[in-house]
Amino acid sequence: MHRTNFAKNWNNKLLQDNFGTVRLPDDKFYQDAEHEIALNDTILGIAKIYTIRRFKFGDIRDALGWLDSGMPAVKLAAMLKNMYKNKIEGGVQNETIFMHVIFHWKSRNKKAWDEMANTWYINIQETFYQSTNEMLAQ
């Protein structure tokens, strides 16, 4: 079975039933392939690829940026350039091909899933309390 590892749960997408990732082309990504999904090497479960869309780096738009990582296209593009700068000779160019891979969870590791959800909840609380305190201080 293939494995797809995430270093960060961008936009908390791994908490959704369906989620995507932007990657360089790789033979392990194909329709109906099942992947073990991990976050920082912690196995979250098994997901199946629903669809794959190939696109040129120069065609990244805000819709993909916000959906995939919670940031506008310009920031997603900068992040991808940095992430893949040593993996492509000459670096990422406008014509570099990427893939947007859409997964659907088939099974989940309950313990890891609960920890991920709890971390998300704590972060939301901290953000809310910080914002509230900042508003009250004004």
N, C-alpha and C. Protein backbone atom coordinates (compact mmCIF):
# COMPACT_ATOMS: atom_id res chain seq x y z
N MET A 1 0.85 -1.18 0.00
CA MET A 1 0.00 0.00 0.00
C MET A 1 0.89 1.25 0.00
N HIS A 2 0.44 2.26 -0.71
CA HIS A 2 1.17 3.52 -0.78
C HIS A 2 0.94 4.31 0.51
N ARG A 3 1.83 5.27 0.72
CA ARG A 3 1.71 6.12 1.89
C ARG A 3 1.86 7.58 1.49
N THR A 4 1.00 8.42 2.02
CA THR A 4 1.10 9.86 1.82
C THR A 4 1.22 10.49 3.20
N ASN A 5 2.31 11.22 3.39
CA ASN A 5 2.58 11.85 4.68
C ASN A 5 2.38 13.36 4.57
N PHE A 6 1.76 13.92 5.56
CA PHE A 6 1.58 15.37 5.67
C PHE A 6 2.44 15.87 6.82
N ALA A 7 3.13 16.98 6.59
CA ALA A 7 3.93 17.60 7.65
C ALA A 7 3.06 18.52 8.51
N LYS A 8 1.97 18.99 7.92
CA LYS A 8 1.06 19.90 8.63
C LYS A 8 -0.36 19.65 8.14
N ASN A 9 -1.31 19.81 9.02
CA ASN A 9 -2.71 19.65 8.66
C ASN A 9 -3.25 21.00 8.20
N TRP A 10 -2.80 21.42 7.01
CA TRP A 10 -3.20 22.71 6.46
C TRP A 10 -4.71 22.82 6.41
N ASN A 11 -5.20 23.95 6.91
CA ASN A 11 -6.63 24.25 6.82
C ASN A 11 -7.49 23.19 7.50
N ASN A 12 -6.88 22.38 8.34
CA ASN A 12 -7.57 21.29 9.05
C ASN A 12 -8.29 20.35 8.09
N LYS A 13 -7.75 20.23 6.90
CA LYS A 13 -8.41 19.43 5.86
C LYS A 13 -8.49 17.96 6.19
N LEU A 14 -7.56 17.45 7.00
CA LEU A 14 -7.56 16.02 7.31
C LEU A 14 -8.70 15.63 8.25
N LEU A 15 -9.40 16.61 8.79
CA LEU A 15 -10.57 16.34 9.63
C LEU A 15 -11.83 16.16 8.79
N GLN A 16 -11.75 16.42 7.50
CA GLN A 16 -12.90 16.32 6.61
C GLN A 16 -13.01 14.91 6.02
N ASP A 17 -14.19 14.54 5.55
CA ASP A 17 -14.37 13.23 4.91
C ASP A 17 -13.58 13.13 3.60
N ASN A 18 -13.50 14.26 2.89
CA ASN A 18 -12.75 14.34 1.64
C ASN A 18 -11.71 15.44 1.79
N PHE A 19 -10.53 15.22 1.29
CA PHE A 19 -9.47 16.21 1.41
C PHE A 19 -8.53 16.10 0.22
N GLY A 20 -7.82 17.16 -0.03
CA GLY A 20 -6.90 17.18 -1.16
C GLY A 20 -5.48 17.49 -0.74
N THR A 21 -4.58 17.27 -1.68
CA THR A 21 -3.19 17.62 -1.49
C THR A 21 -2.60 18.00 -2.84
N VAL A 22 -1.68 18.94 -2.82
CA VAL A 22 -0.98 19.34 -4.03
C VAL A 22 0.40 18.71 -3.99
N ARG A 23 0.71 17.93 -5.00
CA ARG A 23 1.97 17.19 -5.05
C ARG A 23 2.56 17.22 -6.45
N LEU A 24 3.86 16.92 -6.53
CA LEU A 24 4.48 16.69 -7.82
C LEU A 24 3.99 15.35 -8.36
N PRO A 25 3.96 15.18 -9.68
CA PRO A 25 3.53 13.90 -10.25
C PRO A 25 4.34 12.74 -9.70
N ASP A 26 3.64 11.65 -9.40
CA ASP A 26 4.26 10.45 -8.85
C ASP A 26 3.36 9.28 -9.22
N ASP A 27 3.97 8.17 -9.61
CA ASP A 27 3.19 7.00 -10.04
C ASP A 27 2.30 6.43 -8.94
N LYS A 28 2.57 6.76 -7.68
CA LYS A 28 1.73 6.21 -6.61
C LYS A 28 0.36 6.88 -6.52
N PHE A 29 0.21 8.01 -7.22
CA PHE A 29 -1.07 8.72 -7.22
C PHE A 29 -1.83 8.36 -8.49
N TYR A 30 -2.87 7.54 -8.35
CA TYR A 30 -3.72 7.18 -9.48
C TYR A 30 -5.12 6.89 -8.96
N GLN A 31 -6.11 7.04 -9.84
CA GLN A 31 -7.51 6.85 -9.48
C GLN A 31 -7.71 5.51 -8.78
N ASP A 32 -8.44 5.53 -7.67
CA ASP A 32 -8.82 4.37 -6.85
C ASP A 32 -7.69 3.77 -6.02
N ALA A 33 -6.49 4.34 -6.08
CA ALA A 33 -5.39 3.85 -5.24
C ALA A 33 -5.71 4.13 -3.77
N GLU A 34 -5.38 3.17 -2.92
CA GLU A 34 -5.55 3.36 -1.49
C GLU A 34 -4.21 3.73 -0.88
N HIS A 35 -4.25 4.73 -0.01
CA HIS A 35 -3.04 5.22 0.63
C HIS A 35 -3.21 5.22 2.15
N GLU A 36 -2.14 4.87 2.80
CA GLU A 36 -2.06 5.06 4.24
C GLU A 36 -1.75 6.55 4.41
N ILE A 37 -2.56 7.25 5.18
CA ILE A 37 -2.38 8.69 5.38
C ILE A 37 -1.77 8.92 6.75
N ALA A 38 -0.70 9.71 6.77
CA ALA A 38 0.00 9.99 8.02
C ALA A 38 0.19 11.50 8.19
N LEU A 39 0.19 11.92 9.43
CA LEU A 39 0.52 13.30 9.79
C LEU A 39 1.75 13.22 10.67
N ASN A 40 2.86 13.73 10.16
CA ASN A 40 4.15 13.63 10.86
C ASN A 40 4.43 12.19 11.29
N ASP A 41 4.24 11.27 10.37
CA ASP A 41 4.51 9.85 10.54
C ASP A 41 3.57 9.14 11.51
N THR A 42 2.51 9.80 11.96
CA THR A 42 1.48 9.15 12.76
C THR A 42 0.37 8.73 11.80
N ILE A 43 0.10 7.44 11.74
CA ILE A 43 -0.91 6.92 10.81
C ILE A 43 -2.30 7.36 11.25
N LEU A 44 -3.01 8.05 10.34
CA LEU A 44 -4.37 8.51 10.62
C LEU A 44 -5.43 7.57 10.08
N GLY A 45 -5.06 6.79 9.05
CA GLY A 45 -6.02 5.86 8.48
C GLY A 45 -5.72 5.59 7.02
N ILE A 46 -6.73 5.02 6.35
CA ILE A 46 -6.63 4.66 4.93
C ILE A 46 -7.61 5.52 4.14
N ALA A 47 -7.11 6.07 3.05
CA ALA A 47 -7.96 6.88 2.17
C ALA A 47 -7.78 6.42 0.73
N LYS A 48 -8.83 6.62 -0.05
CA LYS A 48 -8.84 6.22 -1.46
C LYS A 48 -8.84 7.48 -2.32
N ILE A 49 -8.08 7.44 -3.42
CA ILE A 49 -8.05 8.57 -4.34
C ILE A 49 -9.30 8.56 -5.20
N TYR A 50 -10.04 9.67 -5.16
CA TYR A 50 -11.22 9.83 -5.99
C TYR A 50 -10.86 10.39 -7.36
N THR A 51 -10.05 11.42 -7.35
CA THR A 51 -9.72 12.07 -8.61
C THR A 51 -8.38 12.80 -8.51
N ILE A 52 -7.81 13.04 -9.66
CA ILE A 52 -6.53 13.75 -9.76
C ILE A 52 -6.65 14.76 -10.89
N ARG A 53 -6.21 15.98 -10.62
CA ARG A 53 -6.19 17.00 -11.66
C ARG A 53 -4.76 17.52 -11.79
N ARG A 54 -4.22 17.42 -12.97
CA ARG A 54 -2.89 17.96 -13.24
C ARG A 54 -3.03 19.41 -13.68
N PHE A 55 -2.06 20.23 -13.26
CA PHE A 55 -2.09 21.64 -13.63
C PHE A 55 -0.67 22.19 -13.66
N LYS A 56 -0.51 23.29 -14.38
CA LYS A 56 0.78 23.97 -14.42
C LYS A 56 0.88 24.88 -13.20
N PHE A 57 2.08 24.96 -12.65
CA PHE A 57 2.32 25.81 -11.48
C PHE A 57 1.79 27.23 -11.70
N GLY A 58 1.99 27.76 -12.88
CA GLY A 58 1.54 29.11 -13.19
C GLY A 58 0.04 29.28 -13.21
N ASP A 59 -0.70 28.16 -13.16
CA ASP A 59 -2.17 28.21 -13.18
C ASP A 59 -2.80 28.11 -11.80
N ILE A 60 -2.01 28.17 -10.74
CA ILE A 60 -2.57 28.13 -9.38
C ILE A 60 -3.46 29.34 -9.17
N ARG A 61 -4.65 29.11 -8.66
CA ARG A 61 -5.61 30.18 -8.39
C ARG A 61 -6.02 30.14 -6.92
N ASP A 62 -6.65 31.23 -6.50
CA ASP A 62 -7.06 31.36 -5.10
C ASP A 62 -7.96 30.21 -4.63
N ALA A 63 -8.85 29.74 -5.48
CA ALA A 63 -9.76 28.66 -5.07
C ALA A 63 -8.97 27.46 -4.57
N LEU A 64 -7.93 27.07 -5.28
CA LEU A 64 -7.09 25.94 -4.85
C LEU A 64 -6.34 26.29 -3.58
N GLY A 65 -5.78 27.48 -3.53
CA GLY A 65 -5.01 27.90 -2.35
C GLY A 65 -5.84 27.88 -1.08
N TRP A 66 -7.02 28.48 -1.14
CA TRP A 66 -7.86 28.54 0.05
C TRP A 66 -8.37 27.16 0.45
N LEU A 67 -8.79 26.36 -0.53
CA LEU A 67 -9.32 25.04 -0.23
C LEU A 67 -8.24 24.11 0.31
N ASP A 68 -7.08 24.11 -0.32
CA ASP A 68 -6.03 23.17 0.06
C ASP A 68 -5.29 23.57 1.33
N SER A 69 -4.98 24.85 1.48
CA SER A 69 -4.09 25.24 2.57
C SER A 69 -4.57 26.43 3.39
N GLY A 70 -5.70 26.99 3.04
CA GLY A 70 -6.22 28.12 3.80
C GLY A 70 -5.45 29.40 3.54
N MET A 71 -4.90 29.53 2.34
CA MET A 71 -4.15 30.73 2.00
C MET A 71 -4.38 31.08 0.53
N PRO A 72 -4.16 32.35 0.17
CA PRO A 72 -4.35 32.73 -1.23
C PRO A 72 -3.30 32.08 -2.14
N ALA A 73 -3.57 32.09 -3.42
CA ALA A 73 -2.70 31.44 -4.41
C ALA A 73 -1.26 31.91 -4.31
N VAL A 74 -1.05 33.19 -4.12
CA VAL A 74 0.32 33.71 -4.10
C VAL A 74 1.13 33.09 -2.95
N LYS A 75 0.49 32.88 -1.81
CA LYS A 75 1.18 32.26 -0.68
C LYS A 75 1.38 30.76 -0.89
N LEU A 76 0.37 30.08 -1.45
CA LEU A 76 0.53 28.66 -1.76
C LEU A 76 1.67 28.48 -2.75
N ALA A 77 1.72 29.32 -3.77
CA ALA A 77 2.78 29.23 -4.78
C ALA A 77 4.16 29.41 -4.13
N ALA A 78 4.29 30.38 -3.26
CA ALA A 78 5.57 30.61 -2.58
C ALA A 78 5.95 29.41 -1.72
N MET A 79 4.97 28.83 -1.04
CA MET A 79 5.25 27.66 -0.20
C MET A 79 5.69 26.47 -1.06
N LEU A 80 5.00 26.23 -2.17
CA LEU A 80 5.37 25.12 -3.05
C LEU A 80 6.76 25.32 -3.65
N LYS A 81 7.07 26.55 -4.04
CA LYS A 81 8.41 26.84 -4.59
C LYS A 81 9.48 26.50 -3.55
N ASN A 82 9.23 26.87 -2.33
CA ASN A 82 10.19 26.59 -1.26
C ASN A 82 10.28 25.10 -0.96
N MET A 83 9.13 24.43 -0.89
CA MET A 83 9.10 23.00 -0.57
C MET A 83 9.83 22.15 -1.61
N TYR A 84 9.71 22.53 -2.87
CA TYR A 84 10.22 21.69 -3.95
C TYR A 84 11.46 22.27 -4.63
N LYS A 85 12.07 23.28 -4.04
CA LYS A 85 13.21 23.94 -4.69
C LYS A 85 14.38 22.99 -4.95
N ASN A 86 14.58 22.01 -4.11
CA ASN A 86 15.70 21.08 -4.29
C ASN A 86 15.29 19.76 -4.96
N LYS A 87 14.03 19.64 -5.31
CA LYS A 87 13.54 18.39 -5.91
C LYS A 87 13.41 18.50 -7.43
N ILE A 88 13.50 19.72 -7.94
CA ILE A 88 13.37 19.95 -9.38
C ILE A 88 14.58 20.74 -9.83
N GLU A 89 15.27 20.20 -10.81
CA GLU A 89 16.45 20.91 -11.33
C GLU A 89 16.00 22.26 -11.89
N GLY A 90 16.64 23.31 -11.43
CA GLY A 90 16.26 24.65 -11.87
C GLY A 90 15.11 25.25 -11.08
N GLY A 91 14.59 24.50 -10.12
CA GLY A 91 13.50 24.99 -9.29
C GLY A 91 12.15 24.94 -9.99
N VAL A 92 11.13 25.31 -9.26
CA VAL A 92 9.76 25.31 -9.78
C VAL A 92 9.59 26.48 -10.74
N GLN A 93 9.08 26.19 -11.93
CA GLN A 93 8.81 27.20 -12.96
C GLN A 93 7.31 27.24 -13.26
N ASN A 94 6.85 28.24 -13.97
CA ASN A 94 5.43 28.33 -14.32
C ASN A 94 4.92 27.12 -15.07
N GLU A 95 5.79 26.45 -15.82
CA GLU A 95 5.39 25.29 -16.62
C GLU A 95 5.50 23.97 -15.84
N THR A 96 6.02 24.01 -14.62
CA THR A 96 6.15 22.79 -13.81
C THR A 96 4.76 22.20 -13.55
N ILE A 97 4.64 20.90 -13.77
CA ILE A 97 3.36 20.22 -13.57
C ILE A 97 3.23 19.76 -12.12
N PHE A 98 2.07 20.05 -11.54
CA PHE A 98 1.69 19.57 -10.21
C PHE A 98 0.39 18.79 -10.34
N MET A 99 0.02 18.12 -9.28
CA MET A 99 -1.24 17.39 -9.24
C MET A 99 -2.03 17.81 -8.00
N HIS A 100 -3.32 17.96 -8.18
CA HIS A 100 -4.22 18.14 -7.04
C HIS A 100 -4.93 16.80 -6.87
N VAL A 101 -4.63 16.11 -5.79
CA VAL A 101 -5.13 14.77 -5.54
C VAL A 101 -6.24 14.86 -4.48
N ILE A 102 -7.41 14.29 -4.79
CA ILE A 102 -8.54 14.31 -3.86
C ILE A 102 -8.74 12.90 -3.29
N PHE A 103 -8.70 12.82 -1.97
CA PHE A 103 -8.87 11.56 -1.23
C PHE A 103 -10.22 11.53 -0.52
N HIS A 104 -10.67 10.32 -0.20
CA HIS A 104 -11.83 10.09 0.65
C HIS A 104 -11.43 9.04 1.69
N TRP A 105 -11.69 9.34 2.96
CA TRP A 105 -11.36 8.39 4.02
C TRP A 105 -12.15 7.10 3.87
N LYS A 106 -11.47 5.96 4.02
CA LYS A 106 -12.13 4.65 4.07
C LYS A 106 -12.17 4.15 5.50
N SER A 107 -11.09 4.37 6.24
CA SER A 107 -11.02 3.97 7.65
C SER A 107 -10.09 4.93 8.37
N ARG A 108 -10.31 5.07 9.68
CA ARG A 108 -9.53 6.03 10.45
C ARG A 108 -9.01 5.39 11.73
N ASN A 109 -7.82 5.81 12.12
CA ASN A 109 -7.20 5.39 13.38
C ASN A 109 -7.82 6.28 14.47
N LYS A 110 -8.73 5.71 15.26
CA LYS A 110 -9.50 6.51 16.21
C LYS A 110 -8.63 7.29 17.18
N LYS A 111 -7.62 6.67 17.74
CA LYS A 111 -6.76 7.36 18.72
C LYS A 111 -6.06 8.56 18.07
N ALA A 112 -5.44 8.35 16.93
CA ALA A 112 -4.73 9.44 16.25
C ALA A 112 -5.72 10.52 15.80
N TRP A 113 -6.88 10.08 15.33
CA TRP A 113 -7.91 11.01 14.88
C TRP A 113 -8.39 11.88 16.04
N ASP A 114 -8.65 11.26 17.20
CA ASP A 114 -9.10 12.01 18.36
C ASP A 114 -8.05 13.02 18.81
N GLU A 115 -6.78 12.63 18.78
CA GLU A 115 -5.70 13.55 19.15
C GLU A 115 -5.64 14.74 18.20
N MET A 116 -5.78 14.47 16.90
CA MET A 116 -5.75 15.53 15.90
C MET A 116 -6.93 16.49 16.11
N ALA A 117 -8.12 15.94 16.33
CA ALA A 117 -9.30 16.77 16.55
C ALA A 117 -9.17 17.58 17.83
N ASN A 118 -8.62 16.98 18.87
CA ASN A 118 -8.44 17.70 20.13
C ASN A 118 -7.44 18.85 19.97
N THR A 119 -6.38 18.62 19.23
CA THR A 119 -5.39 19.68 18.97
C THR A 119 -6.06 20.83 18.22
N TRP A 120 -6.88 20.50 17.23
CA TRP A 120 -7.61 21.52 16.48
C TRP A 120 -8.51 22.32 17.43
N TYR A 121 -9.23 21.63 18.30
CA TYR A 121 -10.15 22.29 19.22
C TYR A 121 -9.41 23.22 20.17
N ILE A 122 -8.28 22.78 20.70
CA ILE A 122 -7.48 23.61 21.60
C ILE A 122 -6.99 24.85 20.86
N ASN A 123 -6.52 24.68 19.63
CA ASN A 123 -6.04 25.82 18.84
C ASN A 123 -7.16 26.82 18.58
N ILE A 124 -8.37 26.32 18.29
CA ILE A 124 -9.51 27.21 18.06
C ILE A 124 -9.83 27.99 19.33
N GLN A 125 -9.82 27.31 20.47
CA GLN A 125 -10.10 27.98 21.74
C GLN A 125 -9.07 29.08 22.00
N GLU A 126 -7.79 28.76 21.81
CA GLU A 126 -6.73 29.74 22.06
C GLU A 126 -6.88 30.95 21.15
N THR A 127 -7.21 30.70 19.89
CA THR A 127 -7.41 31.79 18.94
C THR A 127 -8.60 32.65 19.35
N PHE A 128 -9.69 31.99 19.76
CA PHE A 128 -10.88 32.71 20.18
C PHE A 128 -10.59 33.57 21.40
N TYR A 129 -9.93 32.99 22.43
CA TYR A 129 -9.65 33.74 23.65
C TYR A 129 -8.69 34.89 23.39
N GLN A 130 -7.71 34.66 22.52
CA GLN A 130 -6.76 35.73 22.19
C GLN A 130 -7.48 36.87 21.48
N SER A 131 -8.34 36.55 20.52
CA SER A 131 -9.09 37.57 19.79
C SER A 131 -10.03 38.33 20.72
N THR A 132 -10.69 37.58 21.61
CA THR A 132 -11.61 38.21 22.57
C THR A 132 -10.86 39.17 23.48
N ASN A 133 -9.73 38.74 24.01
CA ASN A 133 -8.93 39.59 24.89
C ASN A 133 -8.43 40.84 24.17
N GLU A 134 -8.05 40.68 22.90
CA GLU A 134 -7.59 41.83 22.13
C GLU A 134 -8.74 42.83 21.92
N MET A 135 -9.93 42.32 21.65
CA MET A 135 -11.08 43.22 21.46
C MET A 135 -11.43 43.94 22.77
N LEU A 136 -11.38 43.23 23.88
CA LEU A 136 -11.72 43.84 25.17
C LEU A 136 -10.69 44.87 25.59
N ALA A 137 -9.45 44.69 25.16
CA ALA A 137 -8.38 45.62 25.54
C ALA A 137 -8.47 46.94 24.78
N GLN A 138 -9.26 46.97 23.72
CA GLN A 138 -9.36 48.21 22.92
C GLN A 138 -10.31 49.21 23.53
